[in-house]
Protein backbone atom coordinates (compact mmCIF):
# COMPACT_ATOMS: atom_id res chain seq x y z
CA MET A 1 42.02 62.78 24.94
CA ASP A 2 43.52 63.17 28.41
CA ALA A 3 46.69 61.06 28.16
CA SER A 4 47.21 61.30 31.92
CA LEU A 5 44.53 58.64 32.37
CA LEU A 6 46.77 56.07 30.67
CA THR A 7 49.20 53.98 32.69
CA ASP A 8 52.78 53.39 31.57
CA ALA A 9 51.78 49.82 30.69
CA ASP A 10 48.90 51.12 28.57
CA ARG A 11 51.31 53.23 26.53
CA ARG A 12 53.50 50.21 25.87
CA LEU A 13 50.60 48.02 24.79
CA VAL A 14 51.00 47.26 21.09
CA PRO A 15 50.02 44.29 18.92
CA ILE A 16 52.77 41.77 18.30
CA PRO A 17 53.42 41.63 14.53
CA GLY A 18 52.28 38.35 13.03
CA GLU A 19 50.56 37.15 16.20
CA ARG A 20 46.97 35.99 15.96
CA SER A 21 44.27 37.61 18.04
CA PRO A 22 43.75 36.20 21.54
CA TRP A 23 40.31 34.99 20.39
CA MET A 24 41.93 32.89 17.66
CA ARG A 25 44.69 31.59 19.90
CA GLU A 26 42.06 30.38 22.36
CA ALA A 27 39.91 28.76 19.67
CA LEU A 28 42.87 26.99 18.08
CA ALA A 29 43.98 25.74 21.51
CA ASP A 30 40.51 24.20 21.92
CA GLU A 31 41.22 22.21 18.75
CA GLY A 32 44.68 21.14 19.85
CA ASP A 33 46.39 23.69 17.54
CA PRO A 34 45.78 21.69 14.35
CA PRO A 35 47.86 22.21 11.21
CA PRO A 36 46.18 24.07 8.34
CA LEU A 37 44.21 22.09 5.80
CA ALA A 38 46.14 21.21 2.66
CA PRO A 39 46.53 23.99 0.08
CA LEU A 40 45.23 23.60 -3.44
CA ASP A 41 47.87 21.85 -5.53
CA ARG A 42 46.04 20.93 -8.74
CA SER A 43 43.21 21.98 -11.04
CA ILE A 44 39.77 20.82 -9.93
CA VAL A 45 36.11 21.29 -10.85
CA ALA A 46 33.29 22.36 -8.52
CA ASP A 47 29.73 23.60 -8.60
CA VAL A 48 30.59 26.65 -6.49
CA VAL A 49 34.01 27.98 -5.49
CA ILE A 50 34.19 30.42 -2.59
CA VAL A 51 37.14 32.74 -2.06
CA GLY A 52 37.42 33.52 1.65
CA GLY A 53 37.13 31.28 4.71
CA GLY A 54 35.53 33.72 7.13
CA TYR A 55 31.93 34.02 8.25
CA THR A 56 30.49 35.03 4.87
CA GLY A 57 32.24 32.37 2.82
CA LEU A 58 31.53 29.62 5.33
CA TRP A 59 27.87 30.58 5.87
CA THR A 60 27.47 30.50 2.09
CA ALA A 61 29.08 27.07 1.88
CA HIS A 62 26.94 25.84 4.77
CA GLU A 63 23.69 26.99 3.17
CA LEU A 64 24.57 25.50 -0.20
CA LEU A 65 25.33 22.12 1.34
CA VAL A 66 22.25 22.13 3.57
CA ARG A 67 20.14 22.68 0.46
CA ASP A 68 21.92 19.95 -1.51
CA PRO A 69 24.52 17.74 0.21
CA SER A 70 25.71 16.42 -3.17
CA ARG A 71 26.80 19.85 -4.35
CA ARG A 72 30.55 20.27 -4.86
CA VAL A 73 31.55 23.32 -2.81
CA VAL A 74 35.19 24.40 -2.58
CA VAL A 75 36.47 27.11 -0.23
CA LEU A 76 39.86 28.76 -0.80
CA GLU A 77 41.37 30.59 2.18
CA ALA A 78 44.64 32.51 1.96
CA ASP A 79 45.58 31.79 5.60
CA ILE A 80 43.44 29.65 7.92
CA CYS A 81 39.68 29.91 8.26
CA GLY A 82 38.82 32.79 10.57
CA SER A 83 42.21 34.48 10.36
CA GLY A 84 40.67 37.76 9.18
CA PRO A 85 38.00 39.89 10.86
CA SER A 86 35.88 36.81 11.62
CA GLY A 87 38.41 35.65 14.21
CA ARG A 88 39.35 38.98 15.78
CA ASN A 89 36.23 41.17 15.85
CA GLY A 90 34.48 42.56 18.92
CA GLY A 91 32.08 39.63 19.24
CA PHE A 92 28.92 41.72 18.68
CA VAL A 93 26.00 39.97 16.96
CA ASN A 94 23.73 42.92 16.16
CA SER A 95 20.55 43.60 14.28
CA TRP A 96 19.86 46.90 12.51
CA TRP A 97 17.28 48.33 14.92
CA ASP A 98 19.82 50.99 15.92
CA GLU A 99 19.80 52.14 12.28
CA ALA A 100 16.04 51.85 11.83
CA ALA A 101 15.33 55.50 10.99
CA GLY A 102 18.02 55.61 8.32
CA LEU A 103 16.87 52.33 6.76
CA LEU A 104 13.25 53.47 6.60
CA ASP A 105 14.32 56.79 5.11
CA ALA A 106 16.61 55.18 2.53
CA PHE A 107 14.43 52.25 1.45
CA GLY A 108 10.87 53.05 2.50
CA PRO A 109 8.72 51.46 5.21
CA GLU A 110 8.22 48.06 3.59
CA ALA A 111 11.77 47.36 2.40
CA GLY A 112 13.30 49.05 5.45
CA ARG A 113 11.27 46.88 7.80
CA ALA A 114 12.20 43.78 5.79
CA MET A 115 15.87 44.67 6.26
CA ILE A 116 15.46 45.13 10.02
CA ASP A 117 13.51 41.90 10.42
CA ALA A 118 16.06 39.93 8.38
CA SER A 119 18.91 41.26 10.53
CA ALA A 120 17.06 40.36 13.75
CA ASP A 121 16.31 36.88 12.40
CA ALA A 122 20.04 36.41 11.79
CA VAL A 123 20.88 37.21 15.43
CA ARG A 124 18.50 34.52 16.65
CA ALA A 125 19.49 32.05 13.93
CA ILE A 126 23.14 32.11 14.99
CA GLY A 127 22.17 31.18 18.54
CA SER A 128 19.93 28.37 17.34
CA TRP A 129 22.63 27.10 15.00
CA CYS A 130 25.23 27.01 17.78
CA ALA A 131 22.86 25.00 19.98
CA ALA A 132 21.95 22.59 17.17
CA HIS A 133 25.57 21.88 16.20
CA GLY A 134 27.21 21.82 19.62
CA VAL A 135 29.29 24.94 18.93
CA ASP A 136 30.13 26.63 22.23
CA ALA A 137 30.73 30.11 20.87
CA HIS A 138 29.67 31.76 24.18
CA TYR A 139 26.47 33.02 22.53
CA ARG A 140 24.66 35.37 24.92
CA PRO A 141 21.50 37.17 23.67
CA SER A 142 21.47 39.98 26.26
CA GLY A 143 20.96 43.03 24.03
CA MET A 144 23.15 46.06 23.41
CA LEU A 145 23.32 49.42 25.15
CA VAL A 146 23.94 52.59 23.14
CA VAL A 147 25.23 55.26 25.54
CA SER A 148 26.06 58.94 25.41
CA THR A 149 29.26 60.19 27.02
CA THR A 150 28.83 63.91 26.30
CA PRO A 151 25.90 66.34 25.99
CA ALA A 152 26.63 66.69 22.27
CA HIS A 153 25.73 63.02 21.79
CA ASP A 154 22.64 62.88 23.99
CA GLY A 155 19.64 61.46 22.20
CA ARG A 156 21.45 60.35 19.04
CA TRP A 157 19.28 57.22 19.20
CA ALA A 158 15.99 59.15 19.46
CA GLU A 159 15.02 58.85 15.79
CA ASP A 160 15.66 55.12 15.82
CA VAL A 161 13.59 54.70 19.00
CA ALA A 162 10.79 56.66 17.33
CA ALA A 163 11.07 54.42 14.26
CA ALA A 164 10.67 51.30 16.41
CA HIS A 165 7.50 52.83 17.87
CA ARG A 166 6.14 53.63 14.39
CA LEU A 167 6.78 50.04 13.35
CA GLY A 168 4.82 48.76 16.33
CA ASP A 169 7.76 47.19 18.19
CA ALA A 170 8.72 49.63 20.92
CA ALA A 171 10.59 46.92 22.86
CA ALA A 172 13.09 46.53 20.02
CA LEU A 173 14.85 49.78 20.98
CA GLU A 174 14.00 51.38 24.33
CA ASP A 175 15.11 54.78 25.56
CA LEU A 176 16.85 54.58 28.97
CA SER A 177 17.63 57.30 31.49
CA ALA A 178 21.06 57.72 33.08
CA GLU A 179 19.76 55.92 36.16
CA GLU A 180 18.46 53.01 34.07
CA ILE A 181 21.81 52.75 32.28
CA ALA A 182 23.61 52.74 35.64
CA ASP A 183 21.42 49.87 36.78
CA ARG A 184 23.00 47.84 33.98
CA CYS A 185 26.55 49.28 34.02
CA ARG A 186 27.89 51.99 36.32
CA SER A 187 30.20 54.47 34.64
CA PRO A 188 30.56 58.16 35.51
CA ARG A 189 30.69 58.85 31.77
CA PHE A 190 27.38 57.25 30.77
CA ARG A 191 24.66 59.91 30.59
CA GLY A 192 21.75 57.91 29.18
CA GLY A 193 21.10 55.72 26.19
CA ALA A 194 18.98 52.99 24.67
CA LEU A 195 18.71 49.22 24.86
CA MET A 196 18.53 47.27 21.60
CA ARG A 197 16.80 43.94 22.15
CA ASP A 198 17.98 41.94 19.15
CA ALA A 199 21.69 41.76 19.92
CA ALA A 200 24.01 39.16 21.37
CA THR A 201 27.69 38.55 22.01
CA VAL A 202 29.91 35.63 21.01
CA HIS A 203 33.48 34.46 21.16
CA PRO A 204 34.13 35.31 17.49
CA ALA A 205 36.89 32.82 16.76
CA ARG A 206 35.07 29.91 18.38
CA LEU A 207 32.09 30.72 16.17
CA VAL A 208 34.05 30.76 12.92
CA ARG A 209 36.06 27.67 13.80
CA GLY A 210 32.85 25.85 14.73
CA LEU A 211 31.40 26.89 11.38
CA ARG A 212 34.49 25.54 9.64
CA ARG A 213 34.05 22.19 11.41
CA VAL A 214 30.40 21.88 10.45
CA CYS A 215 31.10 22.81 6.81
CA LEU A 216 33.71 20.06 6.62
CA GLU A 217 31.24 17.61 8.13
CA LEU A 218 28.67 18.61 5.51
CA GLY A 219 31.14 17.81 2.73
CA ALA A 220 32.78 21.13 1.87
CA THR A 221 36.31 20.97 0.48
CA ILE A 222 38.45 23.64 2.16
CA HIS A 223 41.96 24.53 1.05
CA GLU A 224 43.82 26.75 3.50
CA GLY A 225 47.07 28.52 2.67
CA THR A 226 45.65 29.16 -0.82
CA ARG A 227 45.52 32.74 -2.05
CA ALA A 228 43.33 33.38 -5.08
CA THR A 229 45.31 35.35 -7.64
CA ARG A 230 42.79 35.82 -10.42
CA ILE A 231 39.09 35.29 -11.15
CA ARG A 232 38.05 35.15 -14.80
CA ARG A 233 35.36 33.90 -17.13
CA HIS A 234 36.18 30.51 -18.63
CA GLY A 235 33.72 29.79 -21.40
CA ARG A 236 30.31 29.42 -19.78
CA ARG A 237 31.89 28.87 -16.40
CA ILE A 238 34.23 30.80 -14.11
CA ARG A 239 37.74 30.00 -12.99
CA VAL A 240 39.66 30.95 -9.87
CA ASP A 241 43.42 30.71 -10.17
CA ALA A 242 45.82 30.13 -7.27
CA PRO A 243 49.62 29.75 -7.29
CA ASN A 244 49.57 25.95 -7.61
CA GLY A 245 46.18 25.15 -9.03
CA SER A 246 42.77 26.38 -10.11
CA VAL A 247 39.07 25.74 -9.56
CA GLU A 248 36.57 25.84 -12.40
CA ALA A 249 32.94 26.21 -11.36
CA ASP A 250 29.46 27.33 -12.35
CA ARG A 251 29.59 30.15 -9.80
CA ALA A 252 32.29 31.85 -7.77
CA VAL A 253 31.82 33.85 -4.57
CA LEU A 254 34.25 36.57 -3.48
CA ALA A 255 33.89 36.93 0.30
CA VAL A 256 37.14 38.46 1.53
CA ASN A 257 35.93 41.43 3.62
CA ALA A 258 38.47 44.30 3.57
CA TRP A 259 40.60 42.55 0.96
CA ALA A 260 37.77 43.12 -1.54
CA ALA A 261 39.10 46.68 -1.85
CA GLY A 262 42.01 45.26 -3.81
CA TRP A 263 39.84 43.45 -6.40
CA PRO A 264 38.59 45.37 -9.48
CA VAL A 265 34.96 44.23 -8.98
CA ALA A 266 34.82 45.94 -5.56
CA ARG A 267 37.53 48.59 -5.70
CA HIS A 268 35.12 51.55 -5.78
CA ARG A 269 32.52 49.92 -3.52
CA VAL A 270 34.49 49.29 -0.34
CA LEU A 271 37.24 50.96 1.66
CA ALA A 272 39.71 49.04 3.83
CA TRP A 273 39.92 50.68 7.25
CA GLY A 274 41.81 49.82 10.45
CA SER A 275 40.24 48.93 13.80
CA SER A 276 41.87 47.87 17.09
CA MET A 277 40.96 46.23 20.40
CA VAL A 278 42.37 45.70 23.87
CA ARG A 279 41.10 43.60 26.76
CA SER A 280 41.64 43.52 30.48
CA GLU A 281 42.91 40.78 32.70
CA PRO A 282 40.11 38.63 34.17
CA ILE A 283 38.21 40.67 36.80
CA PRO A 284 34.77 39.07 37.22
CA GLU A 285 34.42 40.12 40.86
CA LEU A 286 35.24 43.78 40.14
CA ILE A 287 32.89 43.86 37.14
CA ALA A 288 30.08 42.73 39.45
CA SER A 289 30.94 44.79 42.53
CA GLU A 290 32.24 48.03 40.98
CA LEU A 291 30.23 48.17 37.75
CA GLY A 292 27.18 46.00 38.40
CA TRP A 293 27.57 44.89 34.80
CA THR A 294 26.18 41.39 35.20
CA GLY A 295 23.41 41.25 32.58
CA GLY A 296 25.65 40.46 29.64
CA GLU A 297 24.75 43.54 27.57
CA SER A 298 27.27 44.75 25.03
CA ILE A 299 27.88 48.50 24.96
CA VAL A 300 28.68 51.06 22.26
CA ASP A 301 29.00 54.79 22.70
CA ALA A 302 27.20 57.25 20.46
CA ARG A 303 30.31 58.43 18.66
CA VAL A 304 30.76 57.83 14.96
CA SER A 305 34.36 56.82 15.72
CA VAL A 306 32.74 54.34 18.03
CA HIS A 307 34.02 52.58 21.16
CA TYR A 308 32.53 49.13 21.70
CA LEU A 309 32.88 46.74 24.63
CA HIS A 310 31.53 43.61 26.27
CA VAL A 311 32.32 41.22 29.12
CA THR A 312 33.78 37.87 28.15
CA ARG A 313 32.84 34.56 29.78
CA ASP A 314 36.06 34.57 31.82
CA GLY A 315 35.36 38.04 33.19
CA ARG A 316 37.47 40.29 30.96
CA ILE A 317 36.35 43.58 29.46
CA ALA A 318 37.13 43.59 25.74
CA ILE A 319 36.98 47.08 24.22
CA GLY A 320 37.64 48.38 20.74
CA ALA A 321 38.07 51.71 19.01
CA GLY A 322 36.84 52.58 15.55
CA GLY A 323 38.24 55.38 13.45
CA GLY A 324 41.44 53.70 12.33
CA ARG A 325 43.28 54.64 9.16
CA PRO A 326 42.32 53.76 5.57
CA ALA A 327 44.43 51.73 3.18
CA PHE A 328 45.66 53.22 -0.08
CA GLY A 329 44.21 51.46 -3.12
CA GLY A 330 43.05 48.52 -1.05
CA ARG A 331 46.64 47.55 -0.23
CA ILE A 332 46.51 46.01 3.21
CA GLY A 333 49.82 45.91 5.00
CA ALA A 334 51.18 45.89 8.53
CA SER A 335 49.89 49.43 9.14
CA LEU A 336 46.33 48.08 9.41
CA GLY A 337 47.27 45.27 11.78
CA GLY A 338 46.58 47.23 14.94
CA GLU A 339 47.71 50.86 14.73
CA PRO A 340 49.40 52.11 17.94
CA ASP A 341 47.26 55.26 18.14
CA SER A 342 44.08 53.23 17.68
CA VAL A 343 45.17 50.84 20.43
CA VAL A 344 45.84 53.83 22.68
CA ARG A 345 42.36 55.17 21.95
CA ALA A 346 40.84 51.84 23.01
CA ALA A 347 42.91 51.84 26.21
CA PHE A 348 41.94 55.44 26.90
CA ALA A 349 38.25 54.58 26.52
CA PHE A 350 38.64 51.81 29.12
CA ARG A 351 40.32 54.20 31.59
CA SER A 352 37.86 57.00 30.87
CA PHE A 353 34.74 54.86 31.19
CA PHE A 354 35.89 53.00 34.29
CA PRO A 355 38.21 55.11 36.49
CA MET A 356 37.39 52.80 39.41
CA LEU A 357 39.38 50.10 37.57
CA ARG A 358 42.58 52.15 37.51
CA ASP A 359 44.64 49.28 38.95
CA VAL A 360 43.35 46.72 36.44
CA GLY A 361 45.85 45.76 33.75
CA LEU A 362 45.19 45.53 30.04
CA SER A 363 46.66 42.25 28.86
CA ASP A 364 46.18 42.09 25.07
CA ALA A 365 46.07 44.34 22.03
CA TRP A 366 45.24 43.39 18.47
CA GLY A 367 43.62 44.74 15.34
CA GLY A 368 43.33 44.65 11.59
CA PRO A 369 41.35 45.89 8.61
CA ILE A 370 37.59 46.02 8.18
CA ASP A 371 35.55 46.82 5.07
CA VAL A 372 33.53 50.05 4.96
CA SER A 373 30.88 50.63 2.30
CA PRO A 374 29.54 54.02 1.15
CA ASP A 375 26.16 53.44 2.81
CA HIS A 376 27.54 51.67 5.90
CA LEU A 377 25.72 48.44 4.96
CA PRO A 378 26.94 45.13 3.56
CA HIS A 379 25.94 44.28 0.00
CA ALA A 380 25.90 41.25 -2.27
CA TRP A 381 26.04 41.76 -6.01
CA ARG A 382 26.63 39.98 -9.31
CA ALA A 383 29.61 40.51 -11.62
CA MET A 384 31.12 38.85 -14.69
CA GLY A 385 27.78 38.12 -16.27
CA GLY A 386 26.37 36.79 -13.03
CA ARG A 387 28.99 34.07 -12.67
CA LEU A 388 30.77 35.93 -9.84
CA LEU A 389 28.98 36.95 -6.64
CA VAL A 390 30.61 39.55 -4.39
CA ALA A 391 29.88 40.38 -0.76
CA ALA A 392 31.48 43.25 1.14
CA GLY A 393 30.88 46.36 3.21
CA TYR A 394 30.04 45.21 6.76
CA SER A 395 31.50 48.43 8.18
CA GLY A 396 32.36 46.89 11.54
CA ASN A 397 29.03 45.08 12.05
CA GLY A 398 29.49 41.76 10.30
CA VAL A 399 28.89 38.87 12.68
CA GLY A 400 25.09 38.89 12.46
CA PRO A 401 24.69 40.25 8.92
CA SER A 402 27.21 37.73 7.55
CA HIS A 403 24.67 34.99 8.28
CA LEU A 404 22.09 36.88 6.22
CA LEU A 405 24.58 37.53 3.40
CA GLY A 406 25.49 33.85 3.35
CA GLN A 407 21.83 32.97 2.77
CA ILE A 408 21.58 35.60 0.05
CA LEU A 409 24.74 34.48 -1.75
CA ALA A 410 23.65 30.84 -1.71
CA ALA A 411 20.25 31.80 -3.13
CA LEU A 412 21.85 33.93 -5.85
CA ALA A 413 24.25 31.11 -6.73
CA LEU A 414 21.22 28.86 -7.27
CA ASP A 415 19.35 31.52 -9.28
CA SER A 416 16.60 31.55 -6.65
CA ASP A 417 14.08 34.38 -6.56
CA GLU A 418 13.20 34.06 -2.87
CA PRO A 419 12.40 37.20 -0.83
CA ILE A 420 15.88 37.72 0.63
CA THR A 421 17.29 38.13 -2.89
CA ARG A 422 15.10 41.21 -3.29
CA LEU A 423 16.32 43.05 -0.19
CA PRO A 424 17.84 46.49 -0.90
CA ILE A 425 21.32 45.22 -0.02
CA VAL A 426 21.30 42.97 -3.10
CA GLY A 427 23.18 45.10 -5.60
CA PRO A 428 26.39 47.12 -5.29
CA PRO A 429 26.55 49.91 -2.69
CA SER A 430 26.31 53.44 -4.00
CA PRO A 431 27.43 56.07 -4.61
CA PRO A 432 30.84 54.60 -5.47
CA TYR A 433 33.97 55.89 -3.81
CA PRO A 434 36.15 58.23 -5.89
CA PRO A 435 39.32 56.89 -7.54
CA GLU A 436 42.73 57.02 -5.94
CA PRO A 437 44.46 59.10 -4.72
CA PHE A 438 41.35 61.16 -3.95
CA ARG A 439 39.77 58.31 -1.98
CA TYR A 440 42.74 57.83 0.32
CA VAL A 441 43.52 61.52 0.83
CA GLY A 442 39.86 62.37 1.42
CA ALA A 443 39.41 59.50 3.87
CA ARG A 444 42.51 60.50 5.84
CA VAL A 445 41.49 64.15 6.07
CA ILE A 446 37.91 63.36 7.03
CA ARG A 447 39.00 60.74 9.54
CA GLU A 448 41.23 63.26 11.35
CA ALA A 449 38.47 65.87 11.33
CA MET A 450 35.91 63.39 12.66
CA ILE A 451 38.12 62.33 15.56
CA ARG A 452 39.08 65.92 16.41
CA ARG A 453 35.41 66.89 16.33
CA GLU A 454 34.26 64.09 18.60
CA ASP A 455 37.21 64.45 20.96
CA GLY A 456 36.36 68.12 21.29
CA GLU A 457 32.71 67.37 21.94
CA GLU A 458 33.68 64.98 24.71
CA ALA A 459 36.28 67.31 26.23
CA ASP A 460 34.20 70.49 26.56
CA GLY A 461 31.06 69.98 24.48
CA ARG A 462 32.41 71.99 21.56
CA ALA A 463 34.09 71.23 18.25
CA ALA A 464 36.08 73.56 16.02
CA TRP A 465 34.06 74.80 13.06
CA LEU A 466 36.60 73.41 10.58
CA ALA A 467 36.43 69.92 12.12
CA ARG A 468 32.63 70.07 11.96
CA ALA A 469 32.63 71.24 8.36
CA VAL A 470 35.15 68.70 7.09
CA SER A 471 33.70 65.74 9.00
CA SER A 472 30.25 66.40 7.54
CA ILE A 473 31.46 66.29 3.90
CA PRO A 474 30.60 62.58 3.34
CA ARG A 475 26.94 63.16 4.26
CA ARG A 476 26.76 66.13 1.92
CA LEU A 477 28.13 63.94 -0.90
CA GLY A 478 25.47 61.28 -0.37
CA TYR A 479 27.44 58.78 1.72
CA ARG A 480 25.92 57.42 4.95
CA LEU A 481 29.23 57.92 6.75
CA GLY A 482 30.42 60.23 9.49
CA PRO A 483 28.44 62.70 11.60
CA GLY A 484 25.98 65.16 10.16
CA GLY A 485 26.44 68.89 10.09
């Protein structure tokens, strides 16, 4: 990474501890900055209790209440709804066409295609839902560009493009030349890429806060400021304890994203990992004149430690950097709230991709933990004799798939045998992660090797043999993580 590209202001850009993401601040301002809903202060009974007030928990509540408005659904949220990744993510609503080859290889043509189709349906369903419920979440179904920024990454999408052709839907993922990429967004770094059709962007916090509103209108009971402390069997039912009360129910749903890494039922199935974002000041005229980026496409580069970016409605470029640090034993502290080096990497990507915007300031920085599964896919599974349902493992792509997982969790809670309950993501991810401290130490070492490898590939097209060897260890152990050999 050439630090000379960074401005002095870029180097000083750090998240403010305890401050909500700019997405969430904007969404709360739309609502008049309301106080949190009342915390749980007594013991109550429900049909389903959901731990977690983000996308997954709220989509589950929504689906349960749409199916039966008389059902008693209680949501417990430790902070306010959307305060986690749902309110601070990159705003990408993606299908799994860009992982088509891996899904077909892992699950076979029939199940793999069912997974892809279900993910694409979720992208469209979110847009339809926003329109039906008057939720202005800035939904824009303009597709996503995957781009290469170094010869070592050229064609990384080729197998997925070929898979789309084999499945008879070549338009789902189209190979684009450097010239065709430049027609959509001009950057001296973009060498070529692919366009994924079934992808959109949203204002993430406005989406989750709109979902919260609709769930309340449907009759959900939501207690904010209520941290679940224990989940246990209680006779033939299940009980969720909180500091000042409890909820007894037929089913419980644990939908807490990265915080699942701290619960025994998910400890070896998900890893908490940091991710950070920055965004520019509003520059709509420059985005049009200098970049020609007017079609609304989101963009990701072909790195494993990915950079991801899109243009907001008010003409900002929001850009994030993957490859943050893991949490030890699922303990999420301030270190995962926007690591300074991860913020710098996001700022560097902005300067590197768009040198013609050298004089544009970066106005915000934020971040936090995400949940990473061993196979890079989200999963829903049963625990505690089927009374507890767990969802985790979005691995940085959760906005669209959370809608699908919400449908799955609702169906499982009702003991339904509909097709979505037989998708390969129903069941815990495997292979499990190793126990601590091996998980944390291994993740740290491999993370450093992966970044060194990809930085080297971008700098001069080469990577040190040790970085290549270490970064490829997860693949050799059966995980769908990191680059290959």
